[in-house]
Amino acid sequence: MPRANGQVTKVYLKGKSDDFIVIVDDAPTVHKWRTDRSIPLQNVLSGWKIFVTHRHGAQGVFDNASKASLENEFGTSKDDECIRQILERGDIQETTNKERQGDKNSSRGTSLLH
């Protein structure tokens, strides 16, 4: 059964000390939000998490951003304020994940009890 082959849209901001990423629903919604701030953030975001990649770009390992890193970069550790700044200044990137098959260890055979 194939999995993880959906499209992922993220907003990537290369900061002074770290790279920040938020996952969004789609690019057109972010463009609408940038021109019309009356759109609630919950309609734009696909989760309220801010990720850092430790200077490995948009494809690095995503870790949760610490309050200290948010404070250093944005001057506040409030998630909603930091997310707004990332959405305003960041680059929108759309990627499609590669399909993964999810096979088990085939060297084990049929795994039947003998």
C-alpha atoms as a PDB file:
ATOM      1  CA  MET A   1       0.000   0.000   0.000  1.00  0.00           C
ATOM      2  CA  PRO A   2       1.650   3.289  -1.074  1.00  0.00           C
ATOM      3  CA  ARG A   3       1.836   6.077   1.455  1.00  0.00           C
ATOM      4  CA  ALA A   4       3.238   9.565   1.961  1.00  0.00           C
ATOM      5  CA  ASN A   5       2.755  10.653  -1.631  1.00  0.00           C
ATOM      6  CA  GLY A   6       0.738  13.798  -0.965  1.00  0.00           C
ATOM      7  CA  GLN A   7       1.739  17.376  -1.625  1.00  0.00           C
ATOM      8  CA  VAL A   8       3.334  19.355   1.193  1.00  0.00           C
ATOM      9  CA  THR A   9       3.374  23.152   1.174  1.00  0.00           C
ATOM     10  CA  LYS A  10       5.650  24.970   3.589  1.00  0.00           C
ATOM     11  CA  VAL A  11       6.877  28.480   4.192  1.00  0.00           C
ATOM     12  CA  TYR A  12      10.641  28.623   4.691  1.00  0.00           C
ATOM     13  CA  LEU A  13      12.473  31.528   6.316  1.00  0.00           C
ATOM     14  CA  LYS A  14      16.261  31.646   6.434  1.00  0.00           C
ATOM     15  CA  GLY A  15      16.952  33.439   9.685  1.00  0.00           C
ATOM     16  CA  LYS A  16      20.088  34.907  11.204  1.00  0.00           C
ATOM     17  CA  SER A  17      20.820  31.899  13.390  1.00  0.00           C
ATOM     18  CA  ASP A  18      18.431  29.162  12.196  1.00  0.00           C
ATOM     19  CA  ASP A  19      16.120  28.169   9.356  1.00  0.00           C
ATOM     20  CA  PHE A  20      12.413  28.272  10.267  1.00  0.00           C
ATOM     21  CA  ILE A  21       9.543  26.389   8.635  1.00  0.00           C
ATOM     22  CA  VAL A  22       5.777  26.303   9.069  1.00  0.00           C
ATOM     23  CA  ILE A  23       3.540  23.862   7.206  1.00  0.00           C
ATOM     24  CA  VAL A  24       0.567  25.465   5.434  1.00  0.00           C
ATOM     25  CA  ASP A  25      -2.506  24.148   3.635  1.00  0.00           C
ATOM     26  CA  ASP A  26      -1.656  25.532   0.191  1.00  0.00           C
ATOM     27  CA  ALA A  27       0.149  28.391  -1.561  1.00  0.00           C
ATOM     28  CA  PRO A  28      -2.930  30.320  -2.794  1.00  0.00           C
ATOM     29  CA  THR A  29      -4.228  30.607   0.772  1.00  0.00           C
ATOM     30  CA  VAL A  30      -0.906  32.075   1.922  1.00  0.00           C
ATOM     31  CA  HIS A  31      -0.990  34.607  -0.938  1.00  0.00           C
ATOM     32  CA  LYS A  32      -4.552  35.579   0.031  1.00  0.00           C
ATOM     33  CA  TRP A  33      -3.537  35.945   3.689  1.00  0.00           C
ATOM     34  CA  ARG A  34      -0.621  38.205   2.730  1.00  0.00           C
ATOM     35  CA  THR A  35      -3.030  40.632   1.048  1.00  0.00           C
ATOM     36  CA  ASP A  36      -6.017  40.157   3.403  1.00  0.00           C
ATOM     37  CA  ARG A  37      -5.075  39.782   7.081  1.00  0.00           C
ATOM     38  CA  SER A  38      -8.721  39.235   8.074  1.00  0.00           C
ATOM     39  CA  ILE A  39      -8.260  35.566   7.083  1.00  0.00           C
ATOM     40  CA  PRO A  40      -7.678  33.613  10.322  1.00  0.00           C
ATOM     41  CA  LEU A  41      -4.308  31.891  10.657  1.00  0.00           C
ATOM     42  CA  GLN A  42      -6.081  28.615  11.380  1.00  0.00           C
ATOM     43  CA  ASN A  43      -7.360  28.669   7.782  1.00  0.00           C
ATOM     44  CA  VAL A  44      -3.802  29.071   6.487  1.00  0.00           C
ATOM     45  CA  LEU A  45      -1.768  26.737   8.692  1.00  0.00           C
ATOM     46  CA  SER A  46      -1.679  22.983   8.709  1.00  0.00           C
ATOM     47  CA  GLY A  47      -0.804  22.814  12.406  1.00  0.00           C
ATOM     48  CA  TRP A  48       0.513  25.353  14.913  1.00  0.00           C
ATOM     49  CA  LYS A  49       4.125  24.188  14.976  1.00  0.00           C
ATOM     50  CA  ILE A  50       7.255  26.092  14.081  1.00  0.00           C
ATOM     51  CA  PHE A  51      10.142  23.916  12.963  1.00  0.00           C
ATOM     52  CA  VAL A  52      13.875  24.574  12.729  1.00  0.00           C
ATOM     53  CA  THR A  53      16.330  22.704  10.526  1.00  0.00           C
ATOM     54  CA  HIS A  54      19.553  23.857  12.234  1.00  0.00           C
ATOM     55  CA  ARG A  55      20.886  25.636   9.140  1.00  0.00           C
ATOM     56  CA  HIS A  56      20.239  22.664   6.829  1.00  0.00           C
ATOM     57  CA  GLY A  57      17.785  24.445   4.556  1.00  0.00           C
ATOM     58  CA  ALA A  58      14.196  23.510   3.835  1.00  0.00           C
ATOM     59  CA  GLN A  59      14.965  19.799   3.438  1.00  0.00           C
ATOM     60  CA  GLY A  60      16.773  19.221   6.725  1.00  0.00           C
ATOM     61  CA  VAL A  61      15.458  17.355   9.745  1.00  0.00           C
ATOM     62  CA  PHE A  62      12.529  19.240  11.269  1.00  0.00           C
ATOM     63  CA  ASP A  63      12.852  19.856  15.023  1.00  0.00           C
ATOM     64  CA  ASN A  64      10.496  21.903  17.158  1.00  0.00           C
ATOM     65  CA  ALA A  65      11.715  25.468  17.571  1.00  0.00           C
ATOM     66  CA  SER A  66      12.728  26.349  21.119  1.00  0.00           C
ATOM     67  CA  LYS A  67      11.456  29.478  22.816  1.00  0.00           C
ATOM     68  CA  ALA A  68      15.049  30.753  22.978  1.00  0.00           C
ATOM     69  CA  SER A  69      15.564  30.432  19.215  1.00  0.00           C
ATOM     70  CA  LEU A  70      12.234  32.187  18.562  1.00  0.00           C
ATOM     71  CA  GLU A  71      13.154  34.968  21.001  1.00  0.00           C
ATOM     72  CA  ASN A  72      16.576  35.437  19.378  1.00  0.00           C
ATOM     73  CA  GLU A  73      15.203  35.583  15.837  1.00  0.00           C
ATOM     74  CA  PHE A  74      11.846  37.344  16.189  1.00  0.00           C
ATOM     75  CA  GLY A  75      12.127  39.217  19.493  1.00  0.00           C
ATOM     76  CA  THR A  76       9.246  37.216  20.985  1.00  0.00           C
ATOM     77  CA  SER A  77       8.508  33.616  21.861  1.00  0.00           C
ATOM     78  CA  LYS A  78       4.757  33.877  21.152  1.00  0.00           C
ATOM     79  CA  ASP A  79       3.973  31.320  18.462  1.00  0.00           C
ATOM     80  CA  ASP A  80       1.322  33.375  16.662  1.00  0.00           C
ATOM     81  CA  GLU A  81       3.601  36.424  16.321  1.00  0.00           C
ATOM     82  CA  CYS A  82       6.501  34.305  15.066  1.00  0.00           C
ATOM     83  CA  ILE A  83       4.241  32.461  12.613  1.00  0.00           C
ATOM     84  CA  ARG A  84       2.990  35.782  11.228  1.00  0.00           C
ATOM     85  CA  GLN A  85       6.558  36.936  10.599  1.00  0.00           C
ATOM     86  CA  ILE A  86       7.487  33.644   8.921  1.00  0.00           C
ATOM     87  CA  LEU A  87       4.409  33.839   6.677  1.00  0.00           C
ATOM     88  CA  GLU A  88       5.143  37.481   5.798  1.00  0.00           C
ATOM     89  CA  ARG A  89       8.854  37.149   5.026  1.00  0.00           C
ATOM     90  CA  GLY A  90       9.282  33.483   4.103  1.00  0.00           C
ATOM     91  CA  ASP A  91       9.403  31.709   0.754  1.00  0.00           C
ATOM     92  CA  ILE A  92       6.567  29.370  -0.198  1.00  0.00           C
ATOM     93  CA  GLN A  93       7.759  25.921  -1.254  1.00  0.00           C
ATOM     94  CA  GLU A  94       5.567  23.157  -2.628  1.00  0.00           C
ATOM     95  CA  THR A  95       6.877  19.608  -2.796  1.00  0.00           C
ATOM     96  CA  THR A  96       5.380  16.222  -3.522  1.00  0.00           C
ATOM     97  CA  ASN A  97       6.621  13.433  -1.314  1.00  0.00           C
ATOM     98  CA  LYS A  98       7.914  10.355  -3.036  1.00  0.00           C
ATOM     99  CA  GLU A  99       5.758   7.291  -2.803  1.00  0.00           C
ATOM    100  CA  ARG A 100       6.971   4.745  -0.297  1.00  0.00           C
ATOM    101  CA  GLN A 101       5.896   1.157  -0.391  1.00  0.00           C
ATOM    102  CA  GLY A 102       6.290   0.243   3.277  1.00  0.00           C
ATOM    103  CA  ASP A 103       7.386  -3.361   2.753  1.00  0.00           C
ATOM    104  CA  LYS A 104       8.376  -5.424   5.735  1.00  0.00           C
ATOM    105  CA  ASN A 105      11.702  -7.210   6.016  1.00  0.00           C
ATOM    106  CA  SER A 106      11.440  -9.643   3.117  1.00  0.00           C
ATOM    107  CA  SER A 107      14.426 -11.690   4.315  1.00  0.00           C
ATOM    108  CA  ARG A 108      12.253 -13.082   7.121  1.00  0.00           C
ATOM    109  CA  GLY A 109      10.164 -15.067   4.677  1.00  0.00           C
ATOM    110  CA  THR A 110       6.475 -15.540   5.299  1.00  0.00           C
ATOM    111  CA  SER A 111       6.815 -15.128   9.081  1.00  0.00           C
ATOM    112  CA  LEU A 112       4.704 -18.206   9.736  1.00  0.00           C
ATOM    113  CA  LEU A 113       5.150 -20.097  12.955  1.00  0.00           C
ATOM    114  CA  HIS A 114       6.915 -23.407  12.402  1.00  0.00           C
END
